[in-house]
Amino acid sequence: MSQRLWSPWRSEYIDAPHDDDEECFFCAHLAAGDDEKALILTRGSAAFVLLNSYPYNPGHLMVAPLRHVGELEELTDEEMIDAGHLLQRSVRALREAVNPDGFNVGTNLGRVAGAGVPGHLHWHIVPRWNGDTNFMTVLGDTRVLPEMLEDTYAKLKPLFGSEDEP
């Protein structure tokens, strides 16, 4: 007898159109003015950190420049430095909050490389634990997450402190 686990919240993303003319959700989140609702953990001088709404693991974060820019080589020095500092802060916060065994940190440049939003460059920070890959992920392309996004946000937000911290 087979069993099923359902993740209906992912269908909103899967069913949504994905073309280059659609509104950039990074820019929309920044403009909305409600960082908690947008899952934005902190804003720096030229970049920001937010929770991924469709995470691979609990605590899956993204770092992106404030400016809508899609190419790595088009980033200013300030954007590159601020994004680098926010990547460090993100790893530090995740280590304290969820104590992972490791991390995947990276970016996909261009749609063919897997970029879901090729017009707005961003880095993924995915906490990893020994044994976190199971048959659901490998065979079913389905993630089983033990925590709601709002709970993860509440756990991480205080660890980012003020925007002036390194």
N, C-alpha and C. Protein backbone atom coordinates (compact mmCIF):
# COMPACT_ATOMS: atom_id res chain seq x y z
N MET A 1 0.85 -1.18 0.00
CA MET A 1 0.00 0.00 0.00
C MET A 1 0.89 1.24 0.00
N SER A 2 0.68 2.12 -0.95
CA SER A 2 1.51 3.33 -1.02
C SER A 2 0.90 4.43 -0.15
N GLN A 3 1.78 5.26 0.36
CA GLN A 3 1.35 6.40 1.16
C GLN A 3 1.75 7.67 0.44
N ARG A 4 1.03 8.75 0.74
CA ARG A 4 1.32 10.04 0.10
C ARG A 4 1.46 11.11 1.16
N LEU A 5 2.39 12.01 0.89
CA LEU A 5 2.51 13.23 1.68
C LEU A 5 2.21 14.38 0.73
N TRP A 6 1.39 15.30 1.15
CA TRP A 6 0.96 16.39 0.28
C TRP A 6 1.64 17.69 0.68
N SER A 7 2.02 18.49 -0.31
CA SER A 7 2.58 19.82 -0.06
C SER A 7 1.87 20.81 -0.99
N PRO A 8 0.57 21.06 -0.74
CA PRO A 8 -0.21 21.88 -1.67
C PRO A 8 0.25 23.33 -1.76
N TRP A 9 0.98 23.84 -0.77
CA TRP A 9 1.45 25.22 -0.83
C TRP A 9 2.41 25.43 -1.99
N ARG A 10 3.06 24.38 -2.48
CA ARG A 10 3.99 24.52 -3.59
C ARG A 10 3.28 24.71 -4.93
N SER A 11 2.03 24.29 -5.02
CA SER A 11 1.32 24.39 -6.30
C SER A 11 1.13 25.85 -6.72
N GLU A 12 1.05 26.76 -5.78
CA GLU A 12 0.93 28.18 -6.12
C GLU A 12 2.11 28.62 -6.99
N TYR A 13 3.31 28.19 -6.61
CA TYR A 13 4.50 28.54 -7.39
C TYR A 13 4.56 27.74 -8.68
N ILE A 14 4.31 26.45 -8.60
CA ILE A 14 4.40 25.58 -9.77
C ILE A 14 3.43 26.00 -10.86
N ASP A 15 2.20 26.36 -10.47
CA ASP A 15 1.17 26.72 -11.44
C ASP A 15 1.31 28.15 -11.96
N ALA A 16 2.09 28.97 -11.28
CA ALA A 16 2.23 30.37 -11.69
C ALA A 16 3.01 30.46 -13.00
N PRO A 17 2.67 31.45 -13.84
CA PRO A 17 3.45 31.63 -15.07
C PRO A 17 4.86 32.08 -14.73
N HIS A 18 5.82 31.64 -15.52
CA HIS A 18 7.21 32.01 -15.30
C HIS A 18 7.79 32.52 -16.61
N ASP A 19 7.58 33.81 -16.86
CA ASP A 19 8.19 34.40 -18.04
C ASP A 19 8.97 35.64 -17.61
N ASP A 20 9.81 36.12 -18.50
CA ASP A 20 10.70 37.22 -18.16
C ASP A 20 9.96 38.54 -17.99
N ASP A 21 8.69 38.62 -18.40
CA ASP A 21 7.94 39.86 -18.29
C ASP A 21 7.17 39.99 -16.98
N GLU A 22 7.11 38.90 -16.20
CA GLU A 22 6.34 38.97 -14.96
C GLU A 22 7.07 39.83 -13.93
N GLU A 23 6.30 40.34 -12.97
CA GLU A 23 6.87 41.18 -11.94
C GLU A 23 7.88 40.39 -11.11
N CYS A 24 8.97 41.02 -10.78
CA CYS A 24 10.01 40.40 -9.96
C CYS A 24 9.53 40.35 -8.52
N PHE A 25 9.47 39.15 -7.94
CA PHE A 25 8.96 39.05 -6.58
C PHE A 25 9.94 39.66 -5.57
N PHE A 26 11.24 39.70 -5.86
CA PHE A 26 12.18 40.37 -4.96
C PHE A 26 11.83 41.86 -4.86
N CYS A 27 11.66 42.49 -6.02
CA CYS A 27 11.32 43.91 -6.05
C CYS A 27 9.95 44.17 -5.42
N ALA A 28 8.99 43.28 -5.68
CA ALA A 28 7.66 43.43 -5.10
C ALA A 28 7.71 43.32 -3.57
N HIS A 29 8.48 42.37 -3.06
CA HIS A 29 8.62 42.21 -1.61
C HIS A 29 9.26 43.45 -0.98
N LEU A 30 10.29 43.98 -1.64
CA LEU A 30 10.96 45.17 -1.12
C LEU A 30 10.02 46.37 -1.09
N ALA A 31 9.18 46.51 -2.11
CA ALA A 31 8.30 47.67 -2.22
C ALA A 31 7.05 47.56 -1.34
N ALA A 32 6.71 46.35 -0.91
CA ALA A 32 5.46 46.13 -0.18
C ALA A 32 5.41 46.87 1.16
N GLY A 33 6.56 47.07 1.79
CA GLY A 33 6.58 47.80 3.04
C GLY A 33 6.25 46.98 4.28
N ASP A 34 6.08 45.67 4.13
CA ASP A 34 5.79 44.80 5.27
C ASP A 34 6.81 43.68 5.25
N ASP A 35 7.96 43.93 5.89
CA ASP A 35 9.06 42.97 5.84
C ASP A 35 8.69 41.64 6.46
N GLU A 36 7.89 41.64 7.52
CA GLU A 36 7.51 40.37 8.14
C GLU A 36 6.66 39.53 7.18
N LYS A 37 5.68 40.14 6.55
CA LYS A 37 4.84 39.41 5.60
C LYS A 37 5.66 38.93 4.39
N ALA A 38 6.63 39.74 3.98
CA ALA A 38 7.49 39.40 2.84
C ALA A 38 8.62 38.46 3.24
N LEU A 39 8.72 38.14 4.53
CA LEU A 39 9.76 37.26 5.07
C LEU A 39 11.17 37.83 4.92
N ILE A 40 11.27 39.17 4.86
CA ILE A 40 12.57 39.84 4.80
C ILE A 40 13.13 39.91 6.21
N LEU A 41 14.30 39.34 6.40
CA LEU A 41 14.93 39.28 7.72
C LEU A 41 15.75 40.53 8.02
N THR A 42 16.40 41.09 7.01
CA THR A 42 17.17 42.32 7.20
C THR A 42 17.43 42.96 5.85
N ARG A 43 17.64 44.28 5.90
CA ARG A 43 18.03 45.05 4.73
C ARG A 43 19.37 45.69 5.04
N GLY A 44 20.31 45.55 4.13
CA GLY A 44 21.59 46.21 4.26
C GLY A 44 21.60 47.48 3.43
N SER A 45 22.77 48.04 3.21
CA SER A 45 22.88 49.27 2.43
C SER A 45 22.64 49.02 0.94
N ALA A 46 22.93 47.80 0.46
CA ALA A 46 22.79 47.51 -0.97
C ALA A 46 22.22 46.13 -1.26
N ALA A 47 21.91 45.35 -0.21
CA ALA A 47 21.38 43.99 -0.39
C ALA A 47 20.46 43.66 0.78
N PHE A 48 19.76 42.53 0.68
CA PHE A 48 18.85 42.12 1.74
C PHE A 48 18.79 40.61 1.84
N VAL A 49 18.21 40.12 2.95
CA VAL A 49 18.07 38.69 3.21
C VAL A 49 16.60 38.38 3.43
N LEU A 50 16.13 37.29 2.81
CA LEU A 50 14.76 36.86 3.06
C LEU A 50 14.69 35.34 3.06
N LEU A 51 13.65 34.84 3.70
CA LEU A 51 13.39 33.40 3.67
C LEU A 51 12.85 33.02 2.31
N ASN A 52 13.23 31.87 1.82
CA ASN A 52 12.67 31.33 0.59
C ASN A 52 11.26 30.82 0.89
N SER A 53 10.26 31.27 0.15
CA SER A 53 8.88 30.84 0.36
C SER A 53 8.64 29.39 -0.04
N TYR A 54 9.54 28.83 -0.82
CA TYR A 54 9.44 27.44 -1.27
C TYR A 54 10.76 26.74 -0.93
N PRO A 55 11.04 26.56 0.36
CA PRO A 55 12.37 26.11 0.79
C PRO A 55 12.65 24.65 0.49
N TYR A 56 13.94 24.36 0.31
CA TYR A 56 14.39 22.98 0.20
C TYR A 56 14.54 22.36 1.58
N ASN A 57 14.90 23.17 2.56
CA ASN A 57 15.05 22.76 3.95
C ASN A 57 14.61 23.91 4.84
N PRO A 58 14.28 23.66 6.09
CA PRO A 58 13.95 24.76 7.00
C PRO A 58 15.13 25.72 7.12
N GLY A 59 14.86 27.00 7.04
CA GLY A 59 15.92 28.00 7.13
C GLY A 59 16.55 28.36 5.80
N HIS A 60 16.00 27.88 4.69
CA HIS A 60 16.52 28.19 3.35
C HIS A 60 16.36 29.70 3.12
N LEU A 61 17.49 30.41 3.07
CA LEU A 61 17.49 31.86 2.90
C LEU A 61 17.99 32.25 1.52
N MET A 62 17.70 33.50 1.15
CA MET A 62 18.23 34.08 -0.07
C MET A 62 18.78 35.46 0.24
N VAL A 63 19.88 35.80 -0.40
CA VAL A 63 20.48 37.12 -0.31
C VAL A 63 20.45 37.71 -1.71
N ALA A 64 19.97 38.95 -1.82
CA ALA A 64 19.84 39.58 -3.14
C ALA A 64 20.17 41.06 -3.04
N PRO A 65 20.67 41.65 -4.13
CA PRO A 65 20.88 43.10 -4.11
C PRO A 65 19.52 43.82 -4.05
N LEU A 66 19.52 45.00 -3.48
CA LEU A 66 18.29 45.81 -3.46
C LEU A 66 17.90 46.22 -4.87
N ARG A 67 18.89 46.46 -5.70
CA ARG A 67 18.66 46.88 -7.09
C ARG A 67 18.31 45.68 -7.95
N HIS A 68 17.39 45.87 -8.88
CA HIS A 68 17.02 44.81 -9.83
C HIS A 68 18.14 44.68 -10.86
N VAL A 69 18.97 43.66 -10.68
CA VAL A 69 20.10 43.41 -11.57
C VAL A 69 20.27 41.90 -11.68
N GLY A 70 20.48 41.42 -12.89
CA GLY A 70 20.52 39.98 -13.10
C GLY A 70 21.88 39.37 -13.36
N GLU A 71 22.88 40.19 -13.59
CA GLU A 71 24.19 39.66 -13.95
C GLU A 71 25.21 39.94 -12.86
N LEU A 72 25.97 38.93 -12.49
CA LEU A 72 26.97 39.05 -11.45
C LEU A 72 27.97 40.17 -11.75
N GLU A 73 28.41 40.24 -12.99
CA GLU A 73 29.41 41.24 -13.35
C GLU A 73 28.85 42.66 -13.40
N GLU A 74 27.54 42.83 -13.28
CA GLU A 74 26.94 44.17 -13.24
C GLU A 74 26.79 44.71 -11.82
N LEU A 75 27.09 43.89 -10.81
CA LEU A 75 27.00 44.37 -9.43
C LEU A 75 28.06 45.42 -9.16
N THR A 76 27.70 46.42 -8.39
CA THR A 76 28.67 47.41 -7.95
C THR A 76 29.52 46.80 -6.84
N ASP A 77 30.63 47.44 -6.53
CA ASP A 77 31.45 46.97 -5.41
C ASP A 77 30.65 46.98 -4.12
N GLU A 78 29.86 48.02 -3.90
CA GLU A 78 29.05 48.10 -2.68
C GLU A 78 28.05 46.94 -2.60
N GLU A 79 27.39 46.62 -3.72
CA GLU A 79 26.44 45.50 -3.73
C GLU A 79 27.14 44.18 -3.44
N MET A 80 28.29 43.97 -4.03
CA MET A 80 29.02 42.72 -3.84
C MET A 80 29.48 42.58 -2.39
N ILE A 81 30.01 43.66 -1.82
CA ILE A 81 30.50 43.63 -0.44
C ILE A 81 29.34 43.45 0.53
N ASP A 82 28.25 44.19 0.33
CA ASP A 82 27.10 44.07 1.24
C ASP A 82 26.50 42.67 1.15
N ALA A 83 26.37 42.13 -0.05
CA ALA A 83 25.84 40.77 -0.21
C ALA A 83 26.75 39.77 0.49
N GLY A 84 28.05 39.94 0.37
CA GLY A 84 29.00 39.05 1.04
C GLY A 84 28.86 39.10 2.56
N HIS A 85 28.71 40.29 3.09
CA HIS A 85 28.50 40.43 4.54
C HIS A 85 27.19 39.77 4.97
N LEU A 86 26.15 39.94 4.16
CA LEU A 86 24.86 39.33 4.51
C LEU A 86 24.90 37.82 4.38
N LEU A 87 25.68 37.29 3.45
CA LEU A 87 25.86 35.83 3.38
C LEU A 87 26.50 35.33 4.67
N GLN A 88 27.53 36.04 5.15
CA GLN A 88 28.18 35.66 6.42
C GLN A 88 27.20 35.73 7.59
N ARG A 89 26.44 36.82 7.68
CA ARG A 89 25.47 36.97 8.77
C ARG A 89 24.42 35.88 8.72
N SER A 90 24.03 35.50 7.51
CA SER A 90 23.01 34.46 7.35
C SER A 90 23.52 33.11 7.86
N VAL A 91 24.74 32.76 7.47
CA VAL A 91 25.32 31.50 7.94
C VAL A 91 25.45 31.52 9.47
N ARG A 92 25.91 32.65 10.00
CA ARG A 92 26.07 32.78 11.46
C ARG A 92 24.72 32.61 12.17
N ALA A 93 23.69 33.27 11.66
CA ALA A 93 22.35 33.18 12.27
C ALA A 93 21.80 31.75 12.18
N LEU A 94 21.98 31.11 11.04
CA LEU A 94 21.49 29.74 10.88
C LEU A 94 22.23 28.77 11.79
N ARG A 95 23.53 28.96 11.94
CA ARG A 95 24.29 28.10 12.86
C ARG A 95 23.71 28.20 14.27
N GLU A 96 23.42 29.42 14.70
CA GLU A 96 22.90 29.62 16.05
C GLU A 96 21.46 29.11 16.20
N ALA A 97 20.64 29.35 15.19
CA ALA A 97 19.21 29.03 15.31
C ALA A 97 18.89 27.57 15.08
N VAL A 98 19.53 26.94 14.10
CA VAL A 98 19.10 25.58 13.72
C VAL A 98 20.23 24.56 13.71
N ASN A 99 21.46 25.00 13.99
CA ASN A 99 22.61 24.11 14.16
C ASN A 99 22.74 23.04 13.07
N PRO A 100 22.85 23.46 11.80
CA PRO A 100 22.99 22.46 10.74
C PRO A 100 24.38 21.84 10.73
N ASP A 101 24.51 20.71 10.05
CA ASP A 101 25.79 20.05 9.89
C ASP A 101 26.61 20.66 8.77
N GLY A 102 25.97 21.41 7.89
CA GLY A 102 26.66 22.04 6.76
C GLY A 102 25.70 22.95 6.01
N PHE A 103 26.17 23.49 4.88
CA PHE A 103 25.38 24.42 4.07
C PHE A 103 25.65 24.19 2.59
N ASN A 104 24.65 24.45 1.78
CA ASN A 104 24.84 24.68 0.35
C ASN A 104 24.65 26.18 0.17
N VAL A 105 25.64 26.86 -0.44
CA VAL A 105 25.55 28.29 -0.72
C VAL A 105 25.89 28.46 -2.18
N GLY A 106 24.99 29.12 -2.93
CA GLY A 106 25.29 29.30 -4.34
C GLY A 106 24.25 30.13 -5.07
N THR A 107 24.54 30.38 -6.33
CA THR A 107 23.64 31.14 -7.19
C THR A 107 23.56 30.46 -8.54
N ASN A 108 22.42 30.63 -9.20
CA ASN A 108 22.22 30.10 -10.55
C ASN A 108 22.19 31.30 -11.50
N LEU A 109 23.11 31.33 -12.44
CA LEU A 109 23.20 32.46 -13.37
C LEU A 109 22.56 32.08 -14.70
N GLY A 110 21.39 32.62 -14.96
CA GLY A 110 20.65 32.35 -16.19
C GLY A 110 19.62 31.25 -16.02
N ARG A 111 18.54 31.34 -16.78
CA ARG A 111 17.45 30.37 -16.67
C ARG A 111 17.92 28.94 -16.95
N VAL A 112 18.80 28.76 -17.93
CA VAL A 112 19.28 27.43 -18.28
C VAL A 112 20.08 26.81 -17.13
N ALA A 113 20.64 27.65 -16.26
CA ALA A 113 21.40 27.17 -15.10
C ALA A 113 20.50 26.94 -13.89
N GLY A 114 19.21 27.19 -14.05
CA GLY A 114 18.27 26.94 -12.97
C GLY A 114 17.76 28.18 -12.27
N ALA A 115 18.12 29.36 -12.75
CA ALA A 115 17.66 30.59 -12.11
C ALA A 115 16.15 30.75 -12.32
N GLY A 116 15.41 30.74 -11.23
CA GLY A 116 13.96 30.94 -11.31
C GLY A 116 13.60 32.39 -11.56
N VAL A 117 14.47 33.31 -11.17
CA VAL A 117 14.28 34.74 -11.39
C VAL A 117 15.58 35.27 -12.00
N PRO A 118 15.79 35.04 -13.30
CA PRO A 118 17.06 35.40 -13.90
C PRO A 118 17.33 36.90 -13.92
N GLY A 119 16.31 37.73 -13.80
CA GLY A 119 16.49 39.18 -13.85
C GLY A 119 16.94 39.80 -12.54
N HIS A 120 16.88 39.03 -11.43
CA HIS A 120 17.29 39.57 -10.13
C HIS A 120 18.22 38.55 -9.47
N LEU A 121 19.50 38.81 -9.57
CA LEU A 121 20.53 37.93 -9.03
C LEU A 121 20.28 37.67 -7.55
N HIS A 122 20.52 36.44 -7.12
CA HIS A 122 20.38 36.11 -5.70
C HIS A 122 21.17 34.85 -5.38
N TRP A 123 21.56 34.75 -4.11
CA TRP A 123 22.27 33.58 -3.60
C TRP A 123 21.33 32.79 -2.71
N HIS A 124 21.43 31.48 -2.75
CA HIS A 124 20.69 30.60 -1.86
C HIS A 124 21.62 30.12 -0.75
N ILE A 125 21.10 30.06 0.46
CA ILE A 125 21.82 29.48 1.60
C ILE A 125 20.89 28.41 2.16
N VAL A 126 21.27 27.16 1.98
CA VAL A 126 20.43 26.04 2.40
C VAL A 126 21.14 25.27 3.50
N PRO A 127 20.59 25.32 4.73
CA PRO A 127 21.19 24.51 5.80
C PRO A 127 20.98 23.03 5.50
N ARG A 128 21.98 22.22 5.85
CA ARG A 128 21.91 20.78 5.58
C ARG A 128 22.24 20.01 6.86
N TRP A 129 21.60 18.87 7.01
CA TRP A 129 21.84 17.98 8.14
C TRP A 129 22.17 16.59 7.61
N ASN A 130 22.98 15.85 8.35
CA ASN A 130 23.25 14.47 7.98
C ASN A 130 21.92 13.73 7.87
N GLY A 131 21.72 13.07 6.75
CA GLY A 131 20.50 12.30 6.55
C GLY A 131 19.29 13.10 6.12
N ASP A 132 19.46 14.39 5.73
CA ASP A 132 18.27 15.17 5.36
C ASP A 132 17.76 14.86 3.96
N THR A 133 18.49 14.10 3.17
CA THR A 133 18.00 13.68 1.86
C THR A 133 17.39 12.30 2.03
N ASN A 134 16.13 12.21 1.62
CA ASN A 134 15.44 10.93 1.74
C ASN A 134 14.75 10.59 0.43
N PHE A 135 14.02 9.53 0.40
CA PHE A 135 13.38 9.09 -0.84
C PHE A 135 12.40 10.12 -1.40
N MET A 136 11.77 10.92 -0.52
CA MET A 136 10.81 11.92 -1.00
C MET A 136 11.52 12.96 -1.87
N THR A 137 12.68 13.40 -1.43
CA THR A 137 13.44 14.39 -2.18
C THR A 137 14.04 13.79 -3.44
N VAL A 138 14.62 12.62 -3.31
CA VAL A 138 15.33 11.99 -4.42
C VAL A 138 14.38 11.50 -5.50
N LEU A 139 13.33 10.80 -5.12
CA LEU A 139 12.43 10.19 -6.10
C LEU A 139 11.19 11.01 -6.40
N GLY A 140 10.67 11.70 -5.41
CA GLY A 140 9.40 12.39 -5.59
C GLY A 140 9.49 13.88 -5.79
N ASP A 141 10.72 14.46 -5.78
CA ASP A 141 10.90 15.90 -5.90
C ASP A 141 9.94 16.64 -4.97
N THR A 142 9.82 16.13 -3.76
CA THR A 142 8.93 16.69 -2.75
C THR A 142 9.71 16.91 -1.47
N ARG A 143 9.52 18.05 -0.84
CA ARG A 143 10.19 18.34 0.42
C ARG A 143 9.20 18.17 1.57
N VAL A 144 9.68 17.63 2.66
CA VAL A 144 8.88 17.50 3.87
C VAL A 144 9.54 18.40 4.91
N LEU A 145 8.85 19.47 5.28
CA LEU A 145 9.43 20.47 6.18
C LEU A 145 8.75 20.39 7.54
N PRO A 146 9.54 20.36 8.61
CA PRO A 146 8.98 20.19 9.94
C PRO A 146 8.53 21.48 10.61
N GLU A 147 8.66 22.62 9.93
CA GLU A 147 8.38 23.89 10.58
C GLU A 147 7.74 24.85 9.59
N MET A 148 6.76 25.63 10.07
CA MET A 148 6.10 26.64 9.23
C MET A 148 7.06 27.81 9.00
N LEU A 149 6.93 28.48 7.85
CA LEU A 149 7.79 29.61 7.52
C LEU A 149 7.74 30.70 8.58
N GLU A 150 6.56 30.98 9.11
CA GLU A 150 6.41 32.03 10.11
C GLU A 150 7.20 31.70 11.38
N ASP A 151 7.26 30.42 11.73
CA ASP A 151 8.02 30.00 12.91
C ASP A 151 9.53 30.14 12.66
N THR A 152 9.96 29.78 11.46
CA THR A 152 11.37 29.94 11.10
C THR A 152 11.75 31.41 11.12
N TYR A 153 10.88 32.26 10.57
CA TYR A 153 11.12 33.71 10.56
C TYR A 153 11.28 34.24 11.98
N ALA A 154 10.36 33.86 12.86
CA ALA A 154 10.40 34.32 14.25
C ALA A 154 11.68 33.87 14.95
N LYS A 155 12.18 32.71 14.61
CA LYS A 155 13.40 32.19 15.21
C LYS A 155 14.64 32.94 14.70
N LEU A 156 14.64 33.30 13.41
CA LEU A 156 15.81 33.91 12.79
C LEU A 156 15.87 35.43 12.92
N LYS A 157 14.73 36.09 12.88
CA LYS A 157 14.70 37.56 12.84
C LYS A 157 15.54 38.21 13.94
N PRO A 158 15.42 37.81 15.20
CA PRO A 158 16.21 38.46 16.24
C PRO A 158 17.72 38.26 16.08
N LEU A 159 18.13 37.22 15.37
CA LEU A 159 19.55 36.93 15.21
C LEU A 159 20.22 37.84 14.19
N PHE A 160 19.44 38.57 13.42
CA PHE A 160 20.03 39.48 12.45
C PHE A 160 20.30 40.84 13.08
N GLY A 161 19.72 41.14 14.23
CA GLY A 161 20.01 42.38 14.93
C GLY A 161 19.79 43.59 14.06
N SER A 162 20.53 44.64 14.35
CA SER A 162 20.37 45.89 13.59
C SER A 162 21.14 45.79 12.28
N GLU A 163 20.79 46.68 11.36
CA GLU A 163 21.44 46.68 10.05
C GLU A 163 22.88 47.16 10.12
N ASP A 164 23.28 47.76 11.25
CA ASP A 164 24.64 48.28 11.38
C ASP A 164 25.63 47.21 11.83
N GLU A 165 25.13 46.04 12.24
CA GLU A 165 26.04 45.00 12.72
C GLU A 165 26.75 44.33 11.56
N PRO A 166 27.97 43.85 11.77
CA PRO A 166 28.70 43.16 10.69
C PRO A 166 28.11 41.82 10.36
